[in-house]
């Protein structure tokens, strides 16, 4: 199962998604913490779940930055500019 744009999922929604894991299943959660669209950005469950669960041996966390952008080369520069400004 894939949860895409998880930066806009609340903590409750991510917990609901994760607690549906079945035997031999794989789950991918992706999202960009710098692009939260929720009215209260602190309601995003993406960062909290990473902090809460990232230490578990069964869970892998991969962080990407502007060097991982595979879109137009300008997108990498845009992402870096925003990241530098916000210290993301």
PDB file of N, CA and C in Angstrom:
ATOM      1  N   UNK A   1       0.847  -1.174   0.000  1.00  0.00           N
ATOM      2  CA  UNK A   1       0.000   0.000   0.000  1.00  0.00           C
ATOM      3  C   UNK A   1       0.890   1.234   0.000  1.00  0.00           C
ATOM      4  N   UNK A   2       0.417   2.285  -0.618  1.00  0.00           N
ATOM      5  CA  UNK A   2       1.170   3.536  -0.703  1.00  0.00           C
ATOM      6  C   UNK A   2       0.300   4.673  -0.178  1.00  0.00           C
ATOM      7  N   UNK A   3       0.856   5.454   0.730  1.00  0.00           N
ATOM      8  CA  UNK A   3       0.219   6.683   1.192  1.00  0.00           C
ATOM      9  C   UNK A   3       1.030   7.830   0.609  1.00  0.00           C
ATOM     10  N   UNK A   4       0.463   8.490  -0.383  1.00  0.00           N
ATOM     11  CA  UNK A   4       1.147   9.572  -1.095  1.00  0.00           C
ATOM     12  C   UNK A   4       0.710  10.922  -0.526  1.00  0.00           C
ATOM     13  N   UNK A   5       1.577  11.915  -0.612  1.00  0.00           N
ATOM     14  CA  UNK A   5       1.296  13.264  -0.095  1.00  0.00           C
ATOM     15  C   UNK A   5       0.964  13.212   1.395  1.00  0.00           C
ATOM     16  N   UNK A   6       1.698  12.388   2.137  1.00  0.00           N
ATOM     17  CA  UNK A   6       1.409  12.162   3.558  1.00  0.00           C
ATOM     18  C   UNK A   6       1.642  13.388   4.425  1.00  0.00           C
ATOM     19  N   UNK A   7       2.283  14.403   3.895  1.00  0.00           N
ATOM     20  CA  UNK A   7       2.455  15.629   4.672  1.00  0.00           C
ATOM     21  C   UNK A   7       1.101  16.262   4.995  1.00  0.00           C
ATOM     22  N   UNK A   8       0.074  15.890   4.250  1.00  0.00           N
ATOM     23  CA  UNK A   8      -1.265  16.431   4.480  1.00  0.00           C
ATOM     24  C   UNK A   8      -2.165  15.469   5.249  1.00  0.00           C
ATOM     25  N   UNK A   9      -1.593  14.394   5.754  1.00  0.00           N
ATOM     26  CA  UNK A   9      -2.340  13.454   6.589  1.00  0.00           C
ATOM     27  C   UNK A   9      -2.118  13.824   8.054  1.00  0.00           C
ATOM     28  N   UNK A  10      -3.166  13.728   8.830  1.00  0.00           N
ATOM     29  CA  UNK A  10      -3.033  13.999  10.259  1.00  0.00           C
ATOM     30  C   UNK A  10      -2.389  12.794  10.943  1.00  0.00           C
ATOM     31  N   UNK A  11      -2.000  13.000  12.180  1.00  0.00           N
ATOM     32  CA  UNK A  11      -1.420  11.914  12.965  1.00  0.00           C
ATOM     33  C   UNK A  11      -2.397  10.744  13.059  1.00  0.00           C
ATOM     34  N   UNK A  12      -3.660  11.040  13.262  1.00  0.00           N
ATOM     35  CA  UNK A  12      -4.690  10.000  13.359  1.00  0.00           C
ATOM     36  C   UNK A  12      -4.816   9.220  12.056  1.00  0.00           C
ATOM     37  N   UNK A  13      -4.770   9.908  10.932  1.00  0.00           N
ATOM     38  CA  UNK A  13      -4.889   9.239   9.638  1.00  0.00           C
ATOM     39  C   UNK A  13      -3.685   8.341   9.361  1.00  0.00           C
ATOM     40  N   UNK A  14      -2.489   8.803   9.691  1.00  0.00           N
ATOM     41  CA  UNK A  14      -1.302   7.966   9.471  1.00  0.00           C
ATOM     42  C   UNK A  14      -1.344   6.749  10.386  1.00  0.00           C
ATOM     43  N   UNK A  15      -1.750   6.935  11.634  1.00  0.00           N
ATOM     44  CA  UNK A  15      -1.878   5.794  12.550  1.00  0.00           C
ATOM     45  C   UNK A  15      -2.881   4.786  11.999  1.00  0.00           C
ATOM     46  N   UNK A  16      -4.023   5.279  11.494  1.00  0.00           N
ATOM     47  CA  UNK A  16      -5.039   4.393  10.925  1.00  0.00           C
ATOM     48  C   UNK A  16      -4.452   3.593   9.761  1.00  0.00           C
ATOM     49  N   UNK A  17      -3.703   4.261   8.888  1.00  0.00           N
ATOM     50  CA  UNK A  17      -3.083   3.604   7.737  1.00  0.00           C
ATOM     51  C   UNK A  17      -2.088   2.541   8.197  1.00  0.00           C
ATOM     52  N   UNK A  18      -1.219   2.899   9.129  1.00  0.00           N
ATOM     53  CA  UNK A  18      -0.172   1.979   9.575  1.00  0.00           C
ATOM     54  C   UNK A  18      -0.717   0.774  10.333  1.00  0.00           C
ATOM     55  N   UNK A  19      -1.816   0.943  11.022  1.00  0.00           N
ATOM     56  CA  UNK A  19      -2.357  -0.172  11.799  1.00  0.00           C
ATOM     57  C   UNK A  19      -3.181  -1.133  10.948  1.00  0.00           C
ATOM     58  N   UNK A  20      -3.170  -0.933   9.631  1.00  0.00           N
ATOM     59  CA  UNK A  20      -3.825  -1.869   8.705  1.00  0.00           C
ATOM     60  C   UNK A  20      -2.817  -2.807   8.046  1.00  0.00           C
ATOM     61  N   UNK A  21      -1.575  -2.789   8.503  1.00  0.00           N
ATOM     62  CA  UNK A  21      -0.541  -3.647   7.918  1.00  0.00           C
ATOM     63  C   UNK A  21      -0.931  -5.111   8.119  1.00  0.00           C
ATOM     64  N   UNK A  22      -0.846  -5.878   7.035  1.00  0.00           N
ATOM     65  CA  UNK A  22      -1.134  -7.299   7.107  1.00  0.00           C
ATOM     66  C   UNK A  22       0.144  -8.121   6.997  1.00  0.00           C
ATOM     67  N   UNK A  23       0.017  -9.406   7.185  1.00  0.00           N
ATOM     68  CA  UNK A  23       1.162 -10.321   7.091  1.00  0.00           C
ATOM     69  C   UNK A  23       1.792 -10.223   5.704  1.00  0.00           C
ATOM     70  N   UNK A  24       3.106 -10.119   5.647  1.00  0.00           N
ATOM     71  CA  UNK A  24       3.891 -10.037   4.404  1.00  0.00           C
ATOM     72  C   UNK A  24       3.565  -8.811   3.555  1.00  0.00           C
ATOM     73  N   UNK A  25       3.015  -7.793   4.157  1.00  0.00           N
ATOM     74  CA  UNK A  25       2.698  -6.593   3.385  1.00  0.00           C
ATOM     75  C   UNK A  25       3.851  -5.593   3.448  1.00  0.00           C
ATOM     76  N   UNK A  26       3.848  -4.698   2.500  1.00  0.00           N
ATOM     77  CA  UNK A  26       4.818  -3.608   2.467  1.00  0.00           C
ATOM     78  C   UNK A  26       4.034  -2.315   2.343  1.00  0.00           C
ATOM     79  N   UNK A  27       4.505  -1.321   3.058  1.00  0.00           N
ATOM     80  CA  UNK A  27       3.847  -0.017   3.040  1.00  0.00           C
ATOM     81  C   UNK A  27       4.888   1.040   2.719  1.00  0.00           C
ATOM     82  N   UNK A  28       4.504   1.981   1.886  1.00  0.00           N
ATOM     83  CA  UNK A  28       5.356   3.125   1.569  1.00  0.00           C
ATOM     84  C   UNK A  28       4.561   4.380   1.909  1.00  0.00           C
ATOM     85  N   UNK A  29       5.182   5.243   2.684  1.00  0.00           N
ATOM     86  CA  UNK A  29       4.590   6.542   2.997  1.00  0.00           C
ATOM     87  C   UNK A  29       5.552   7.588   2.473  1.00  0.00           C
ATOM     88  N   UNK A  30       5.042   8.487   1.643  1.00  0.00           N
ATOM     89  CA  UNK A  30       5.920   9.559   1.168  1.00  0.00           C
ATOM     90  C   UNK A  30       5.215  10.896   1.309  1.00  0.00           C
ATOM     91  N   UNK A  31       6.027  11.909   1.433  1.00  0.00           N
ATOM     92  CA  UNK A  31       5.491  13.253   1.559  1.00  0.00           C
ATOM     93  C   UNK A  31       6.624  14.239   1.747  1.00  0.00           C
ATOM     94  N   UNK A  32       6.310  15.486   1.575  1.00  0.00           N
ATOM     95  CA  UNK A  32       7.300  16.555   1.708  1.00  0.00           C
ATOM     96  C   UNK A  32       6.886  17.458   2.861  1.00  0.00           C
ATOM     97  N   UNK A  33       7.590  17.370   3.989  1.00  0.00           N
ATOM     98  CA  UNK A  33       7.216  18.175   5.154  1.00  0.00           C
ATOM     99  C   UNK A  33       7.226  19.680   4.893  1.00  0.00           C
ATOM    100  N   UNK A  34       7.888  20.108   3.847  1.00  0.00           N
ATOM    101  CA  UNK A  34       7.915  21.544   3.547  1.00  0.00           C
ATOM    102  C   UNK A  34       6.703  21.979   2.718  1.00  0.00           C
ATOM    103  N   UNK A  35       5.811  21.030   2.392  1.00  0.00           N
ATOM    104  CA  UNK A  35       4.651  21.363   1.559  1.00  0.00           C
ATOM    105  C   UNK A  35       3.323  20.992   2.232  1.00  0.00           C
ATOM    106  N   UNK A  36       3.242  21.195   3.529  1.00  0.00           N
ATOM    107  CA  UNK A  36       2.010  20.895   4.261  1.00  0.00           C
ATOM    108  C   UNK A  36       0.932  21.907   3.885  1.00  0.00           C
ATOM    109  N   UNK A  37      -0.236  21.404   3.490  1.00  0.00           N
ATOM    110  CA  UNK A  37      -1.358  22.256   3.102  1.00  0.00           C
ATOM    111  C   UNK A  37      -2.444  22.335   4.173  1.00  0.00           C
ATOM    112  N   UNK A  38      -2.232  21.677   5.302  1.00  0.00           N
ATOM    113  CA  UNK A  38      -3.224  21.714   6.371  1.00  0.00           C
ATOM    114  C   UNK A  38      -3.291  23.123   6.968  1.00  0.00           C
ATOM    115  N   UNK A  39      -4.483  23.560   7.419  1.00  0.00           N
ATOM    116  CA  UNK A  39      -4.601  24.903   8.004  1.00  0.00           C
ATOM    117  C   UNK A  39      -3.620  25.126   9.157  1.00  0.00           C
ATOM    118  N   UNK A  40      -3.430  24.105   9.973  1.00  0.00           N
ATOM    119  CA  UNK A  40      -2.458  24.153  11.061  1.00  0.00           C
ATOM    120  C   UNK A  40      -1.350  23.163  10.706  1.00  0.00           C
ATOM    121  N   UNK A  41      -0.228  23.663  10.245  1.00  0.00           N
ATOM    122  CA  UNK A  41       0.852  22.799   9.751  1.00  0.00           C
ATOM    123  C   UNK A  41       1.329  21.800  10.805  1.00  0.00           C
ATOM    124  N   UNK A  42       1.172  22.136  12.074  1.00  0.00           N
ATOM    125  CA  UNK A  42       1.620  21.228  13.132  1.00  0.00           C
ATOM    126  C   UNK A  42       0.736  19.985  13.238  1.00  0.00           C
ATOM    127  N   UNK A  43      -0.409  19.968  12.548  1.00  0.00           N
ATOM    128  CA  UNK A  43      -1.283  18.795  12.564  1.00  0.00           C
ATOM    129  C   UNK A  43      -0.796  17.683  11.640  1.00  0.00           C
ATOM    130  N   UNK A  44       0.215  17.955  10.819  1.00  0.00           N
ATOM    131  CA  UNK A  44       0.739  16.929   9.916  1.00  0.00           C
ATOM    132  C   UNK A  44       1.335  15.785  10.733  1.00  0.00           C
ATOM    133  N   UNK A  45       0.913  14.579  10.426  1.00  0.00           N
ATOM    134  CA  UNK A  45       1.413  13.418  11.152  1.00  0.00           C
ATOM    135  C   UNK A  45       2.692  12.843  10.579  1.00  0.00           C
ATOM    136  N   UNK A  46       3.164  13.376   9.452  1.00  0.00           N
ATOM    137  CA  UNK A  46       4.341  12.804   8.798  1.00  0.00           C
ATOM    138  C   UNK A  46       5.584  12.898   9.683  1.00  0.00           C
ATOM    139  N   UNK A  47       5.906  14.079  10.161  1.00  0.00           N
ATOM    140  CA  UNK A  47       7.098  14.228  10.999  1.00  0.00           C
ATOM    141  C   UNK A  47       6.962  13.489  12.319  1.00  0.00           C
ATOM    142  N   UNK A  48       5.774  13.534  12.905  1.00  0.00           N
ATOM    143  CA  UNK A  48       5.581  12.856  14.186  1.00  0.00           C
ATOM    144  C   UNK A  48       5.769  11.347  14.042  1.00  0.00           C
ATOM    145  N   UNK A  49       5.216  10.770  12.996  1.00  0.00           N
ATOM    146  CA  UNK A  49       5.360   9.323  12.816  1.00  0.00           C
ATOM    147  C   UNK A  49       6.818   8.952  12.563  1.00  0.00           C
ATOM    148  N   UNK A  50       7.535   9.809  11.859  1.00  0.00           N
ATOM    149  CA  UNK A  50       8.960   9.556  11.614  1.00  0.00           C
ATOM    150  C   UNK A  50       9.732   9.550  12.936  1.00  0.00           C
ATOM    151  N   UNK A  51       9.460  10.529  13.786  1.00  0.00           N
ATOM    152  CA  UNK A  51      10.142  10.610  15.085  1.00  0.00           C
ATOM    153  C   UNK A  51       9.731   9.467  15.999  1.00  0.00           C
ATOM    154  N   UNK A  52       8.466   9.131  15.971  1.00  0.00           N
ATOM    155  CA  UNK A  52       7.925   8.114  16.861  1.00  0.00           C
ATOM    156  C   UNK A  52       8.334   6.699  16.462  1.00  0.00           C
ATOM    157  N   UNK A  53       8.427   6.441  15.155  1.00  0.00           N
ATOM    158  CA  UNK A  53       8.616   5.073  14.672  1.00  0.00           C
ATOM    159  C   UNK A  53       9.929   4.823  13.943  1.00  0.00           C
ATOM    160  N   UNK A  54      10.669   5.874  13.621  1.00  0.00           N
ATOM    161  CA  UNK A  54      11.876   5.736  12.809  1.00  0.00           C
ATOM    162  C   UNK A  54      12.952   4.847  13.397  1.00  0.00           C
ATOM    163  N   UNK A  55      12.928   4.642  14.698  1.00  0.00           N
ATOM    164  CA  UNK A  55      13.942   3.810  15.353  1.00  0.00           C
ATOM    165  C   UNK A  55      13.635   2.312  15.274  1.00  0.00           C
ATOM    166  N   UNK A  56      12.429   1.951  14.889  1.00  0.00           N
ATOM    167  CA  UNK A  56      12.062   0.536  14.823  1.00  0.00           C
ATOM    168  C   UNK A  56      12.821  -0.161  13.695  1.00  0.00           C
ATOM    169  N   UNK A  57      13.366  -1.336  13.973  1.00  0.00           N
ATOM    170  CA  UNK A  57      14.191  -2.027  12.972  1.00  0.00           C
ATOM    171  C   UNK A  57      13.394  -2.440  11.740  1.00  0.00           C
ATOM    172  N   UNK A  58      12.084  -2.577  11.884  1.00  0.00           N
ATOM    173  CA  UNK A  58      11.248  -2.972  10.753  1.00  0.00           C
ATOM    174  C   UNK A  58      10.889  -1.801   9.840  1.00  0.00           C
ATOM    175  N   UNK A  59      11.259  -0.607  10.253  1.00  0.00           N
ATOM    176  CA  UNK A  59      10.898   0.597   9.501  1.00  0.00           C
ATOM    177  C   UNK A  59      12.154   1.287   8.994  1.00  0.00           C
ATOM    178  N   UNK A  60      12.146   1.622   7.718  1.00  0.00           N
ATOM    179  CA  UNK A  60      13.250   2.379   7.117  1.00  0.00           C
ATOM    180  C   UNK A  60      12.749   3.775   6.782  1.00  0.00           C
ATOM    181  N   UNK A  61      13.585   4.755   7.055  1.00  0.00           N
ATOM    182  CA  UNK A  61      13.262   6.146   6.742  1.00  0.00           C
ATOM    183  C   UNK A  61      14.321   6.663   5.787  1.00  0.00           C
ATOM    184  N   UNK A  62      13.873   7.263   4.709  1.00  0.00           N
ATOM    185  CA  UNK A  62      14.784   7.848   3.724  1.00  0.00           C
ATOM    186  C   UNK A  62      14.433   9.323   3.597  1.00  0.00           C
ATOM    187  N   UNK A  63      15.419  10.181   3.814  1.00  0.00           N
ATOM    188  CA  UNK A  63      15.227  11.620   3.640  1.00  0.00           C
ATOM    189  C   UNK A  63      15.872  12.044   2.331  1.00  0.00           C
ATOM    190  N   UNK A  64      15.136  12.813   1.558  1.00  0.00           N
ATOM    191  CA  UNK A  64      15.646  13.335   0.295  1.00  0.00           C
ATOM    192  C   UNK A  64      15.853  14.834   0.422  1.00  0.00           C
ATOM    193  N   UNK A  65      16.717  15.373  -0.422  1.00  0.00           N
ATOM    194  CA  UNK A  65      16.888  16.820  -0.488  1.00  0.00           C
ATOM    195  C   UNK A  65      16.932  17.242  -1.953  1.00  0.00           C
ATOM    196  N   UNK A  66      17.324  18.475  -2.198  1.00  0.00           N
ATOM    197  CA  UNK A  66      17.290  19.005  -3.568  1.00  0.00           C
ATOM    198  C   UNK A  66      18.163  18.214  -4.536  1.00  0.00           C
ATOM    199  N   UNK A  67      19.176  17.509  -4.039  1.00  0.00           N
ATOM    200  CA  UNK A  67      20.053  16.742  -4.936  1.00  0.00           C
ATOM    201  C   UNK A  67      19.362  15.493  -5.481  1.00  0.00           C
ATOM    202  N   UNK A  68      18.238  15.126  -4.889  1.00  0.00           N
ATOM    203  CA  UNK A  68      17.505  13.934  -5.320  1.00  0.00           C
ATOM    204  C   UNK A  68      16.383  14.237  -6.309  1.00  0.00           C
ATOM    205  N   UNK A  69      16.186  15.489  -6.635  1.00  0.00           N
ATOM    206  CA  UNK A  69      15.119  15.874  -7.558  1.00  0.00           C
ATOM    207  C   UNK A  69      15.414  15.319  -8.949  1.00  0.00           C
ATOM    208  N   UNK A  70      14.428  14.639  -9.541  1.00  0.00           N
ATOM    209  CA  UNK A  70      14.605  14.057 -10.877  1.00  0.00           C
ATOM    210  C   UNK A  70      13.707  14.742 -11.909  1.00  0.00           C
ATOM    211  N   UNK A  71      13.208  15.893 -11.568  1.00  0.00           N
ATOM    212  CA  UNK A  71      12.406  16.682 -12.501  1.00  0.00           C
ATOM    213  C   UNK A  71      13.336  17.612 -13.262  1.00  0.00           C
ATOM    214  N   UNK A  72      12.792  18.658 -13.807  1.00  0.00           N
ATOM    215  CA  UNK A  72      13.591  19.663 -14.514  1.00  0.00           C
ATOM    216  C   UNK A  72      14.687  20.176 -13.573  1.00  0.00           C
ATOM    217  N   UNK A  73      15.914  20.386 -14.063  1.00  0.00           N
ATOM    218  CA  UNK A  73      17.014  20.852 -13.201  1.00  0.00           C
ATOM    219  C   UNK A  73      16.679  22.120 -12.406  1.00  0.00           C
ATOM    220  N   UNK A  74      15.828  22.957 -12.940  1.00  0.00           N
ATOM    221  CA  UNK A  74      15.447  24.173 -12.225  1.00  0.00           C
ATOM    222  C   UNK A  74      14.706  23.849 -10.928  1.00  0.00           C
ATOM    223  N   UNK A  75      13.960  22.744 -10.905  1.00  0.00           N
ATOM    224  CA  UNK A  75      13.208  22.366  -9.710  1.00  0.00           C
ATOM    225  C   UNK A  75      14.158  22.143  -8.537  1.00  0.00           C
ATOM    226  N   UNK A  76      15.292  21.512  -8.777  1.00  0.00           N
ATOM    227  CA  UNK A  76      16.284  21.294  -7.724  1.00  0.00           C
ATOM    228  C   UNK A  76      16.749  22.618  -7.133  1.00  0.00           C
ATOM    229  N   UNK A  77      16.975  23.598  -7.981  1.00  0.00           N
ATOM    230  CA  UNK A  77      17.416  24.915  -7.506  1.00  0.00           C
ATOM    231  C   UNK A  77      16.310  25.606  -6.703  1.00  0.00           C
ATOM    232  N   UNK A  78      15.075  25.436  -7.140  1.00  0.00           N
ATOM    233  CA  UNK A  78      13.942  26.030  -6.429  1.00  0.00           C
ATOM    234  C   UNK A  78      13.796  25.396  -5.049  1.00  0.00           C
ATOM    235  N   UNK A  79      13.860  24.066  -4.993  1.00  0.00           N
ATOM    236  CA  UNK A  79      13.746  23.356  -3.715  1.00  0.00           C
ATOM    237  C   UNK A  79      14.858  23.794  -2.771  1.00  0.00           C
ATOM    238  N   UNK A  80      16.087  23.899  -3.283  1.00  0.00           N
ATOM    239  CA  UNK A  80      17.217  24.316  -2.446  1.00  0.00           C
ATOM    240  C   UNK A  80      17.025  25.738  -1.938  1.00  0.00           C
ATOM    241  N   UNK A  81      16.559  26.639  -2.780  1.00  0.00           N
ATOM    242  CA  UNK A  81      16.359  28.029  -2.367  1.00  0.00           C
ATOM    243  C   UNK A  81      15.356  28.115  -1.211  1.00  0.00           C
ATOM    244  N   UNK A  82      14.247  27.396  -1.332  1.00  0.00           N
ATOM    245  CA  UNK A  82      13.260  27.404  -0.252  1.00  0.00           C
ATOM    246  C   UNK A  82      13.816  26.737   1.002  1.00  0.00           C
ATOM    247  N   UNK A  83      14.533  25.652   0.829  1.00  0.00           N
ATOM    248  CA  UNK A  83      15.117  24.951   1.964  1.00  0.00           C
ATOM    249  C   UNK A  83      16.118  25.834   2.699  1.00  0.00           C
ATOM    250  N   UNK A  84      16.960  26.532   1.950  1.00  0.00           N
ATOM    251  CA  UNK A  84      17.951  27.424   2.562  1.00  0.00           C
ATOM    252  C   UNK A  84      17.263  28.543   3.345  1.00  0.00           C
ATOM    253  N   UNK A  85      16.186  29.073   2.792  1.00  0.00           N
ATOM    254  CA  UNK A  85      15.476  30.164   3.452  1.00  0.00           C
ATOM    255  C   UNK A  85      14.800  29.696   4.738  1.00  0.00           C
ATOM    256  N   UNK A  86      14.255  28.481   4.711  1.00  0.00           N
ATOM    257  CA  UNK A  86      13.492  27.966   5.850  1.00  0.00           C
ATOM    258  C   UNK A  86      14.294  27.058   6.763  1.00  0.00           C
ATOM    259  N   UNK A  87      15.554  26.825   6.432  1.00  0.00           N
ATOM    260  CA  UNK A  87      16.399  25.896   7.196  1.00  0.00           C
ATOM    261  C   UNK A  87      15.770  24.516   7.302  1.00  0.00           C
ATOM    262  N   UNK A  88      15.133  24.053   6.212  1.00  0.00           N
ATOM    263  CA  UNK A  88      14.498  22.720   6.173  1.00  0.00           C
ATOM    264  C   UNK A  88      15.536  21.644   6.006  1.00  0.00           C
TER     265      UNK A  88
END
